[in-house]
Amino acid sequence: PYGAHPSSCYPDYAYDRAHIGEYVRAAAQGGAALEDYLQRYV
């Protein structure tokens, strides 16, 4: 369940814009910010 998150899987759920934004900001910074995202969510 929620195996497509943070992308959408209609009709079950919309994509998670806030979470994607969190990832993009971390990926844009790179370094410690990106490592923190990976550690927190992956």
ModelCIF file with pLDDT and N, C-alpha, C, O atoms, coordinates in Angstrom:
data_MODEL
#
_entry.id   MODEL 
#
_entity.id                         1 
_entity.type                       polymer 
_entity.pdbx_number_of_molecules   1 
#
_entity_poly.entity_id                      1 
_entity_poly.type                           'polypeptide(L)' 
_entity_poly.nstd_linkage                   no 
_entity_poly.nstd_monomer                   no 
_entity_poly.pdbx_seq_one_letter_code       PYGAHPSSCYPDYAYDRAHIGEYVRAAAQGGAALEDYLQRYV 
_entity_poly.pdbx_seq_one_letter_code_can   PYGAHPSSCYPDYAYDRAHIGEYVRAAAQGGAALEDYLQRYV 
_entity_poly.pdbx_strand_id                 A 
#
loop_
_entity_poly_seq.entity_id 
_entity_poly_seq.num 
_entity_poly_seq.mon_id 
_entity_poly_seq.hetero 
1 1  PRO n 
1 2  TYR n 
1 3  GLY n 
1 4  ALA n 
1 5  HIS n 
1 6  PRO n 
1 7  SER n 
1 8  SER n 
1 9  CYS n 
1 10 TYR n 
1 11 PRO n 
1 12 ASP n 
1 13 TYR n 
1 14 ALA n 
1 15 TYR n 
1 16 ASP n 
1 17 ARG n 
1 18 ALA n 
1 19 HIS n 
1 20 ILE n 
1 21 GLY n 
1 22 GLU n 
1 23 TYR n 
1 24 VAL n 
1 25 ARG n 
1 26 ALA n 
1 27 ALA n 
1 28 ALA n 
1 29 GLN n 
1 30 GLY n 
1 31 GLY n 
1 32 ALA n 
1 33 ALA n 
1 34 LEU n 
1 35 GLU n 
1 36 ASP n 
1 37 TYR n 
1 38 LEU n 
1 39 GLN n 
1 40 ARG n 
1 41 TYR n 
1 42 VAL n 
#
_struct_asym.id          A 
_struct_asym.entity_id   1 
#
loop_
_ma_qa_metric.id 
_ma_qa_metric.mode 
_ma_qa_metric.name 
_ma_qa_metric.software_group_id 
_ma_qa_metric.type 
1 global pLDDT . pLDDT 
2 local  pLDDT . pLDDT 
#
_ma_qa_metric_global.metric_id      1 
_ma_qa_metric_global.metric_value   95.69 
_ma_qa_metric_global.model_id       1 
_ma_qa_metric_global.ordinal_id     1 
#
loop_
_ma_qa_metric_local.label_asym_id 
_ma_qa_metric_local.label_comp_id 
_ma_qa_metric_local.label_seq_id 
_ma_qa_metric_local.metric_id 
_ma_qa_metric_local.metric_value 
_ma_qa_metric_local.model_id 
_ma_qa_metric_local.ordinal_id 
A PRO 1  2 97.00 1 1  
A TYR 2  2 97.00 1 2  
A GLY 3  2 97.00 1 3  
A ALA 4  2 98.00 1 4  
A HIS 5  2 97.00 1 5  
A PRO 6  2 97.00 1 6  
A SER 7  2 96.00 1 7  
A SER 8  2 95.00 1 8  
A CYS 9  2 96.00 1 9  
A TYR 10 2 94.00 1 10 
A PRO 11 2 93.00 1 11 
A ASP 12 2 95.00 1 12 
A TYR 13 2 95.00 1 13 
A ALA 14 2 94.00 1 14 
A TYR 15 2 92.00 1 15 
A ASP 16 2 94.00 1 16 
A ARG 17 2 93.00 1 17 
A ALA 18 2 93.00 1 18 
A HIS 19 2 96.00 1 19 
A ILE 20 2 95.00 1 20 
A GLY 21 2 94.00 1 21 
A GLU 22 2 96.00 1 22 
A TYR 23 2 97.00 1 23 
A VAL 24 2 96.00 1 24 
A ARG 25 2 96.00 1 25 
A ALA 26 2 97.00 1 26 
A ALA 27 2 97.00 1 27 
A ALA 28 2 96.00 1 28 
A GLN 29 2 95.00 1 29 
A GLY 30 2 94.00 1 30 
A GLY 31 2 95.00 1 31 
A ALA 32 2 96.00 1 32 
A ALA 33 2 97.00 1 33 
A LEU 34 2 96.00 1 34 
A GLU 35 2 96.00 1 35 
A ASP 36 2 97.00 1 36 
A TYR 37 2 97.00 1 37 
A LEU 38 2 97.00 1 38 
A GLN 39 2 96.00 1 39 
A ARG 40 2 96.00 1 40 
A TYR 41 2 97.00 1 41 
A VAL 42 2 97.00 1 42 
#
loop_
_atom_site.group_PDB 
_atom_site.id 
_atom_site.type_symbol 
_atom_site.label_atom_id 
_atom_site.label_alt_id 
_atom_site.label_comp_id 
_atom_site.label_asym_id 
_atom_site.label_entity_id 
_atom_site.label_seq_id 
_atom_site.pdbx_PDB_ins_code 
_atom_site.Cartn_x 
_atom_site.Cartn_y 
_atom_site.Cartn_z 
_atom_site.occupancy 
_atom_site.B_iso_or_equiv 
_atom_site.pdbx_formal_charge 
_atom_site.auth_seq_id 
_atom_site.auth_comp_id 
_atom_site.auth_asym_id 
_atom_site.auth_atom_id 
_atom_site.pdbx_PDB_model_num 
ATOM 1   N N  . PRO A 1 1  ? 0.833  -1.206 0.000   1.00 97.00 ? 1  PRO A N  1 
ATOM 2   C CA . PRO A 1 1  ? 0.000  0.000  0.000   1.00 97.00 ? 1  PRO A CA 1 
ATOM 3   C C  . PRO A 1 1  ? 0.867  1.255  0.000   1.00 97.00 ? 1  PRO A C  1 
ATOM 4   O O  . PRO A 1 1  ? 1.895  1.300  0.676   1.00 97.00 ? 1  PRO A O  1 
ATOM 5   N N  . TYR A 1 2  ? 0.464  2.260  -0.743  1.00 97.00 ? 2  TYR A N  1 
ATOM 6   C CA . TYR A 1 2  ? 1.216  3.504  -0.920  1.00 97.00 ? 2  TYR A CA 1 
ATOM 7   C C  . TYR A 1 2  ? 2.582  3.239  -1.561  1.00 97.00 ? 2  TYR A C  1 
ATOM 8   O O  . TYR A 1 2  ? 3.538  3.979  -1.329  1.00 97.00 ? 2  TYR A O  1 
ATOM 9   N N  . GLY A 1 3  ? 2.660  2.183  -2.363  1.00 97.00 ? 3  GLY A N  1 
ATOM 10  C CA . GLY A 1 3  ? 3.927  1.816  -2.978  1.00 97.00 ? 3  GLY A CA 1 
ATOM 11  C C  . GLY A 1 3  ? 4.411  2.768  -4.046  1.00 97.00 ? 3  GLY A C  1 
ATOM 12  O O  . GLY A 1 3  ? 5.564  2.675  -4.466  1.00 97.00 ? 3  GLY A O  1 
ATOM 13  N N  . ALA A 1 4  ? 3.562  3.691  -4.503  1.00 98.00 ? 4  ALA A N  1 
ATOM 14  C CA . ALA A 1 4  ? 3.981  4.700  -5.473  1.00 98.00 ? 4  ALA A CA 1 
ATOM 15  C C  . ALA A 1 4  ? 4.362  6.022  -4.798  1.00 98.00 ? 4  ALA A C  1 
ATOM 16  O O  . ALA A 1 4  ? 4.930  6.893  -5.457  1.00 98.00 ? 4  ALA A O  1 
ATOM 17  N N  . HIS A 1 5  ? 4.073  6.194  -3.537  1.00 97.00 ? 5  HIS A N  1 
ATOM 18  C CA . HIS A 1 5  ? 4.344  7.446  -2.828  1.00 97.00 ? 5  HIS A CA 1 
ATOM 19  C C  . HIS A 1 5  ? 5.827  7.789  -2.888  1.00 97.00 ? 5  HIS A C  1 
ATOM 20  O O  . HIS A 1 5  ? 6.670  6.909  -2.712  1.00 97.00 ? 5  HIS A O  1 
ATOM 21  N N  . PRO A 1 6  ? 6.161  9.071  -3.136  1.00 97.00 ? 6  PRO A N  1 
ATOM 22  C CA . PRO A 1 6  ? 5.303  10.261 -3.142  1.00 97.00 ? 6  PRO A CA 1 
ATOM 23  C C  . PRO A 1 6  ? 4.662  10.594 -4.488  1.00 97.00 ? 6  PRO A C  1 
ATOM 24  O O  . PRO A 1 6  ? 4.044  11.651 -4.616  1.00 97.00 ? 6  PRO A O  1 
ATOM 25  N N  . SER A 1 7  ? 4.789  9.731  -5.492  1.00 96.00 ? 7  SER A N  1 
ATOM 26  C CA . SER A 1 7  ? 4.023  9.957  -6.717  1.00 96.00 ? 7  SER A CA 1 
ATOM 27  C C  . SER A 1 7  ? 2.585  9.479  -6.491  1.00 96.00 ? 7  SER A C  1 
ATOM 28  O O  . SER A 1 7  ? 2.274  8.919  -5.440  1.00 96.00 ? 7  SER A O  1 
ATOM 29  N N  . SER A 1 8  ? 1.733  9.696  -7.454  1.00 95.00 ? 8  SER A N  1 
ATOM 30  C CA . SER A 1 8  ? 0.324  9.356  -7.294  1.00 95.00 ? 8  SER A CA 1 
ATOM 31  C C  . SER A 1 8  ? 0.043  7.934  -7.750  1.00 95.00 ? 8  SER A C  1 
ATOM 32  O O  . SER A 1 8  ? 0.817  7.332  -8.495  1.00 95.00 ? 8  SER A O  1 
ATOM 33  N N  . CYS A 1 9  ? -1.072 7.419  -7.289  1.00 96.00 ? 9  CYS A N  1 
ATOM 34  C CA . CYS A 1 9  ? -1.613 6.167  -7.829  1.00 96.00 ? 9  CYS A CA 1 
ATOM 35  C C  . CYS A 1 9  ? -3.127 6.322  -7.849  1.00 96.00 ? 9  CYS A C  1 
ATOM 36  O O  . CYS A 1 9  ? -3.834 5.841  -6.964  1.00 96.00 ? 9  CYS A O  1 
ATOM 37  N N  . TYR A 1 10 ? -3.601 7.004  -8.881  1.00 94.00 ? 10 TYR A N  1 
ATOM 38  C CA . TYR A 1 10 ? -5.041 7.227  -9.003  1.00 94.00 ? 10 TYR A CA 1 
ATOM 39  C C  . TYR A 1 10 ? -5.735 5.924  -9.358  1.00 94.00 ? 10 TYR A C  1 
ATOM 40  O O  . TYR A 1 10 ? -5.181 5.123  -10.111 1.00 94.00 ? 10 TYR A O  1 
ATOM 41  N N  . PRO A 1 11 ? -6.943 5.687  -8.831  1.00 93.00 ? 11 PRO A N  1 
ATOM 42  C CA . PRO A 1 11 ? -7.781 6.617  -8.066  1.00 93.00 ? 11 PRO A CA 1 
ATOM 43  C C  . PRO A 1 11 ? -7.530 6.593  -6.562  1.00 93.00 ? 11 PRO A C  1 
ATOM 44  O O  . PRO A 1 11 ? -8.283 7.209  -5.808  1.00 93.00 ? 11 PRO A O  1 
ATOM 45  N N  . ASP A 1 12 ? -6.487 5.892  -6.109  1.00 95.00 ? 12 ASP A N  1 
ATOM 46  C CA . ASP A 1 12 ? -6.293 5.714  -4.665  1.00 95.00 ? 12 ASP A CA 1 
ATOM 47  C C  . ASP A 1 12 ? -5.775 6.961  -3.973  1.00 95.00 ? 12 ASP A C  1 
ATOM 48  O O  . ASP A 1 12 ? -6.279 7.325  -2.910  1.00 95.00 ? 12 ASP A O  1 
ATOM 49  N N  . TYR A 1 13 ? -4.778 7.627  -4.551  1.00 95.00 ? 13 TYR A N  1 
ATOM 50  C CA . TYR A 1 13 ? -4.240 8.812  -3.877  1.00 95.00 ? 13 TYR A CA 1 
ATOM 51  C C  . TYR A 1 13 ? -3.518 9.715  -4.868  1.00 95.00 ? 13 TYR A C  1 
ATOM 52  O O  . TYR A 1 13 ? -3.021 9.277  -5.906  1.00 95.00 ? 13 TYR A O  1 
ATOM 53  N N  . ALA A 1 14 ? -3.483 10.985 -4.505  1.00 94.00 ? 14 ALA A N  1 
ATOM 54  C CA . ALA A 1 14 ? -2.799 12.002 -5.298  1.00 94.00 ? 14 ALA A CA 1 
ATOM 55  C C  . ALA A 1 14 ? -1.308 11.991 -4.962  1.00 94.00 ? 14 ALA A C  1 
ATOM 56  O O  . ALA A 1 14 ? -0.874 11.349 -4.006  1.00 94.00 ? 14 ALA A O  1 
ATOM 57  N N  . TYR A 1 15 ? -0.536 12.721 -5.776  1.00 92.00 ? 15 TYR A N  1 
ATOM 58  C CA . TYR A 1 15 ? 0.890  12.781 -5.467  1.00 92.00 ? 15 TYR A CA 1 
ATOM 59  C C  . TYR A 1 15 ? 1.130  13.760 -4.324  1.00 92.00 ? 15 TYR A C  1 
ATOM 60  O O  . TYR A 1 15 ? 0.371  14.709 -4.123  1.00 92.00 ? 15 TYR A O  1 
ATOM 61  N N  . ASP A 1 16 ? 2.205  13.506 -3.580  1.00 94.00 ? 16 ASP A N  1 
ATOM 62  C CA . ASP A 1 16 ? 2.495  14.258 -2.361  1.00 94.00 ? 16 ASP A CA 1 
ATOM 63  C C  . ASP A 1 16 ? 3.444  15.397 -2.712  1.00 94.00 ? 16 ASP A C  1 
ATOM 64  O O  . ASP A 1 16 ? 4.664  15.242 -2.685  1.00 94.00 ? 16 ASP A O  1 
ATOM 65  N N  . ARG A 1 17 ? 2.857  16.538 -3.040  1.00 93.00 ? 17 ARG A N  1 
ATOM 66  C CA . ARG A 1 17 ? 3.662  17.677 -3.478  1.00 93.00 ? 17 ARG A CA 1 
ATOM 67  C C  . ARG A 1 17 ? 4.616  18.149 -2.390  1.00 93.00 ? 17 ARG A C  1 
ATOM 68  O O  . ARG A 1 17 ? 5.755  18.513 -2.679  1.00 93.00 ? 17 ARG A O  1 
ATOM 69  N N  . ALA A 1 18 ? 4.164  18.146 -1.155  1.00 93.00 ? 18 ALA A N  1 
ATOM 70  C CA . ALA A 1 18 ? 5.013  18.608 -0.053  1.00 93.00 ? 18 ALA A CA 1 
ATOM 71  C C  . ALA A 1 18 ? 6.235  17.712 0.108   1.00 93.00 ? 18 ALA A C  1 
ATOM 72  O O  . ALA A 1 18 ? 7.347  18.199 0.311   1.00 93.00 ? 18 ALA A O  1 
ATOM 73  N N  . HIS A 1 19 ? 6.024  16.398 0.016   1.00 96.00 ? 19 HIS A N  1 
ATOM 74  C CA . HIS A 1 19 ? 7.153  15.479 0.187   1.00 96.00 ? 19 HIS A CA 1 
ATOM 75  C C  . HIS A 1 19 ? 8.120  15.576 -0.991  1.00 96.00 ? 19 HIS A C  1 
ATOM 76  O O  . HIS A 1 19 ? 9.336  15.556 -0.800  1.00 96.00 ? 19 HIS A O  1 
ATOM 77  N N  . ILE A 1 20 ? 7.586  15.681 -2.196  1.00 95.00 ? 20 ILE A N  1 
ATOM 78  C CA . ILE A 1 20 ? 8.460  15.836 -3.356  1.00 95.00 ? 20 ILE A CA 1 
ATOM 79  C C  . ILE A 1 20 ? 9.270  17.124 -3.235  1.00 95.00 ? 20 ILE A C  1 
ATOM 80  O O  . ILE A 1 20 ? 10.453 17.153 -3.573  1.00 95.00 ? 20 ILE A O  1 
ATOM 81  N N  . GLY A 1 21 ? 8.626  18.187 -2.751  1.00 94.00 ? 21 GLY A N  1 
ATOM 82  C CA . GLY A 1 21 ? 9.353  19.433 -2.529  1.00 94.00 ? 21 GLY A CA 1 
ATOM 83  C C  . GLY A 1 21 ? 10.471 19.256 -1.512  1.00 94.00 ? 21 GLY A C  1 
ATOM 84  O O  . GLY A 1 21 ? 11.558 19.808 -1.684  1.00 94.00 ? 21 GLY A O  1 
ATOM 85  N N  . GLU A 1 22 ? 10.214 18.490 -0.451  1.00 96.00 ? 22 GLU A N  1 
ATOM 86  C CA . GLU A 1 22 ? 11.240 18.212 0.553   1.00 96.00 ? 22 GLU A CA 1 
ATOM 87  C C  . GLU A 1 22 ? 12.429 17.485 -0.081  1.00 96.00 ? 22 GLU A C  1 
ATOM 88  O O  . GLU A 1 22 ? 13.586 17.801 0.192   1.00 96.00 ? 22 GLU A O  1 
ATOM 89  N N  . TYR A 1 23 ? 12.116 16.508 -0.932  1.00 97.00 ? 23 TYR A N  1 
ATOM 90  C CA . TYR A 1 23 ? 13.214 15.784 -1.598  1.00 97.00 ? 23 TYR A CA 1 
ATOM 91  C C  . TYR A 1 23 ? 13.997 16.700 -2.525  1.00 97.00 ? 23 TYR A C  1 
ATOM 92  O O  . TYR A 1 23 ? 15.227 16.706 -2.489  1.00 97.00 ? 23 TYR A O  1 
ATOM 93  N N  . VAL A 1 24 ? 13.301 17.477 -3.359  1.00 96.00 ? 24 VAL A N  1 
ATOM 94  C CA . VAL A 1 24 ? 13.979 18.324 -4.341  1.00 96.00 ? 24 VAL A CA 1 
ATOM 95  C C  . VAL A 1 24 ? 14.899 19.326 -3.649  1.00 96.00 ? 24 VAL A C  1 
ATOM 96  O O  . VAL A 1 24 ? 16.014 19.562 -4.113  1.00 96.00 ? 24 VAL A O  1 
ATOM 97  N N  . ARG A 1 25 ? 14.448 19.912 -2.552  1.00 96.00 ? 25 ARG A N  1 
ATOM 98  C CA . ARG A 1 25 ? 15.304 20.857 -1.825  1.00 96.00 ? 25 ARG A CA 1 
ATOM 99  C C  . ARG A 1 25 ? 16.547 20.164 -1.281  1.00 96.00 ? 25 ARG A C  1 
ATOM 100 O O  . ARG A 1 25 ? 17.647 20.713 -1.349  1.00 96.00 ? 25 ARG A O  1 
ATOM 101 N N  . ALA A 1 26 ? 16.378 18.966 -0.745  1.00 97.00 ? 26 ALA A N  1 
ATOM 102 C CA . ALA A 1 26 ? 17.526 18.226 -0.218  1.00 97.00 ? 26 ALA A CA 1 
ATOM 103 C C  . ALA A 1 26 ? 18.477 17.832 -1.346  1.00 97.00 ? 26 ALA A C  1 
ATOM 104 O O  . ALA A 1 26 ? 19.695 17.949 -1.206  1.00 97.00 ? 26 ALA A O  1 
ATOM 105 N N  . ALA A 1 27 ? 17.923 17.367 -2.457  1.00 97.00 ? 27 ALA A N  1 
ATOM 106 C CA . ALA A 1 27 ? 18.756 16.949 -3.584  1.00 97.00 ? 27 ALA A CA 1 
ATOM 107 C C  . ALA A 1 27 ? 19.486 18.139 -4.194  1.00 97.00 ? 27 ALA A C  1 
ATOM 108 O O  . ALA A 1 27 ? 20.628 18.007 -4.636  1.00 97.00 ? 27 ALA A O  1 
ATOM 109 N N  . ALA A 1 28 ? 18.834 19.298 -4.221  1.00 96.00 ? 28 ALA A N  1 
ATOM 110 C CA . ALA A 1 28 ? 19.460 20.497 -4.775  1.00 96.00 ? 28 ALA A CA 1 
ATOM 111 C C  . ALA A 1 28 ? 20.653 20.933 -3.926  1.00 96.00 ? 28 ALA A C  1 
ATOM 112 O O  . ALA A 1 28 ? 21.672 21.375 -4.458  1.00 96.00 ? 28 ALA A O  1 
ATOM 113 N N  . GLN A 1 29 ? 20.521 20.806 -2.604  1.00 95.00 ? 29 GLN A N  1 
ATOM 114 C CA . GLN A 1 29 ? 21.626 21.156 -1.714  1.00 95.00 ? 29 GLN A CA 1 
ATOM 115 C C  . GLN A 1 29 ? 22.742 20.122 -1.777  1.00 95.00 ? 29 GLN A C  1 
ATOM 116 O O  . GLN A 1 29 ? 23.922 20.464 -1.698  1.00 95.00 ? 29 GLN A O  1 
ATOM 117 N N  . GLY A 1 30 ? 22.360 18.856 -1.920  1.00 94.00 ? 30 GLY A N  1 
ATOM 118 C CA . GLY A 1 30 ? 23.345 17.794 -1.939  1.00 94.00 ? 30 GLY A CA 1 
ATOM 119 C C  . GLY A 1 30 ? 24.002 17.620 -0.575  1.00 94.00 ? 30 GLY A C  1 
ATOM 120 O O  . GLY A 1 30 ? 23.500 18.129 0.427   1.00 94.00 ? 30 GLY A O  1 
ATOM 121 N N  . GLY A 1 31 ? 25.092 16.922 -0.535  1.00 95.00 ? 31 GLY A N  1 
ATOM 122 C CA . GLY A 1 31 ? 25.865 16.777 0.697   1.00 95.00 ? 31 GLY A CA 1 
ATOM 123 C C  . GLY A 1 31 ? 25.061 16.262 1.866   1.00 95.00 ? 31 GLY A C  1 
ATOM 124 O O  . GLY A 1 31 ? 24.338 15.272 1.759   1.00 95.00 ? 31 GLY A O  1 
ATOM 125 N N  . ALA A 1 32 ? 25.199 16.963 3.007   1.00 96.00 ? 32 ALA A N  1 
ATOM 126 C CA . ALA A 1 32 ? 24.563 16.525 4.251   1.00 96.00 ? 32 ALA A CA 1 
ATOM 127 C C  . ALA A 1 32 ? 23.044 16.546 4.158   1.00 96.00 ? 32 ALA A C  1 
ATOM 128 O O  . ALA A 1 32 ? 22.376 15.691 4.739   1.00 96.00 ? 32 ALA A O  1 
ATOM 129 N N  . ALA A 1 33 ? 22.487 17.524 3.427   1.00 97.00 ? 33 ALA A N  1 
ATOM 130 C CA . ALA A 1 33 ? 21.030 17.620 3.314   1.00 97.00 ? 33 ALA A CA 1 
ATOM 131 C C  . ALA A 1 33 ? 20.467 16.399 2.587   1.00 97.00 ? 33 ALA A C  1 
ATOM 132 O O  . ALA A 1 33 ? 19.447 15.845 2.998   1.00 97.00 ? 33 ALA A O  1 
ATOM 133 N N  . LEU A 1 34 ? 21.123 15.985 1.521   1.00 96.00 ? 34 LEU A N  1 
ATOM 134 C CA . LEU A 1 34 ? 20.671 14.818 0.777   1.00 96.00 ? 34 LEU A CA 1 
ATOM 135 C C  . LEU A 1 34 ? 20.876 13.542 1.586   1.00 96.00 ? 34 LEU A C  1 
ATOM 136 O O  . LEU A 1 34 ? 20.017 12.660 1.581   1.00 96.00 ? 34 LEU A O  1 
ATOM 137 N N  . GLU A 1 35 ? 21.991 13.438 2.271   1.00 96.00 ? 35 GLU A N  1 
ATOM 138 C CA . GLU A 1 35 ? 22.232 12.270 3.117   1.00 96.00 ? 35 GLU A CA 1 
ATOM 139 C C  . GLU A 1 35 ? 21.198 12.171 4.232   1.00 96.00 ? 35 GLU A C  1 
ATOM 140 O O  . GLU A 1 35 ? 20.775 11.077 4.603   1.00 96.00 ? 35 GLU A O  1 
ATOM 141 N N  . ASP A 1 36 ? 20.796 13.324 4.761   1.00 97.00 ? 36 ASP A N  1 
ATOM 142 C CA . ASP A 1 36 ? 19.779 13.330 5.813   1.00 97.00 ? 36 ASP A CA 1 
ATOM 143 C C  . ASP A 1 36 ? 18.446 12.813 5.277   1.00 97.00 ? 36 ASP A C  1 
ATOM 144 O O  . ASP A 1 36 ? 17.753 12.053 5.954   1.00 97.00 ? 36 ASP A O  1 
ATOM 145 N N  . TYR A 1 37 ? 18.087 13.229 4.053   1.00 97.00 ? 37 TYR A N  1 
ATOM 146 C CA . TYR A 1 37 ? 16.849 12.717 3.456   1.00 97.00 ? 37 TYR A CA 1 
ATOM 147 C C  . TYR A 1 37 ? 16.920 11.205 3.280   1.00 97.00 ? 37 TYR A C  1 
ATOM 148 O O  . TYR A 1 37 ? 15.989 10.488 3.647   1.00 97.00 ? 37 TYR A O  1 
ATOM 149 N N  . LEU A 1 38 ? 18.021 10.727 2.722   1.00 97.00 ? 38 LEU A N  1 
ATOM 150 C CA . LEU A 1 38 ? 18.163 9.285  2.487   1.00 97.00 ? 38 LEU A CA 1 
ATOM 151 C C  . LEU A 1 38 ? 18.111 8.506  3.795   1.00 97.00 ? 38 LEU A C  1 
ATOM 152 O O  . LEU A 1 38 ? 17.496 7.442  3.870   1.00 97.00 ? 38 LEU A O  1 
ATOM 153 N N  . GLN A 1 39 ? 18.762 9.041  4.825   1.00 96.00 ? 39 GLN A N  1 
ATOM 154 C CA . GLN A 1 39 ? 18.748 8.366  6.117   1.00 96.00 ? 39 GLN A CA 1 
ATOM 155 C C  . GLN A 1 39 ? 17.355 8.365  6.729   1.00 96.00 ? 39 GLN A C  1 
ATOM 156 O O  . GLN A 1 39 ? 16.943 7.384  7.348   1.00 96.00 ? 39 GLN A O  1 
ATOM 157 N N  . ARG A 1 40 ? 16.648 9.438  6.558   1.00 96.00 ? 40 ARG A N  1 
ATOM 158 C CA . ARG A 1 40 ? 15.330 9.557  7.177   1.00 96.00 ? 40 ARG A CA 1 
ATOM 159 C C  . ARG A 1 40 ? 14.286 8.697  6.488   1.00 96.00 ? 40 ARG A C  1 
ATOM 160 O O  . ARG A 1 40 ? 13.413 8.126  7.141   1.00 96.00 ? 40 ARG A O  1 
ATOM 161 N N  . TYR A 1 41 ? 14.378 8.603  5.143   1.00 97.00 ? 41 TYR A N  1 
ATOM 162 C CA . TYR A 1 41 ? 13.284 7.965  4.403   1.00 97.00 ? 41 TYR A CA 1 
ATOM 163 C C  . TYR A 1 41 ? 13.670 6.686  3.652   1.00 97.00 ? 41 TYR A C  1 
ATOM 164 O O  . TYR A 1 41 ? 12.787 5.955  3.204   1.00 97.00 ? 41 TYR A O  1 
ATOM 165 N N  . VAL A 1 42 ? 14.953 6.404  3.509   1.00 97.00 ? 42 VAL A N  1 
ATOM 166 C CA . VAL A 1 42 ? 15.330 5.254  2.677   1.00 97.00 ? 42 VAL A CA 1 
ATOM 167 C C  . VAL A 1 42 ? 16.265 4.319  3.436   1.00 97.00 ? 42 VAL A C  1 
ATOM 168 O O  . VAL A 1 42 ? 16.688 3.296  2.896   1.00 97.00 ? 42 VAL A O  1 
#
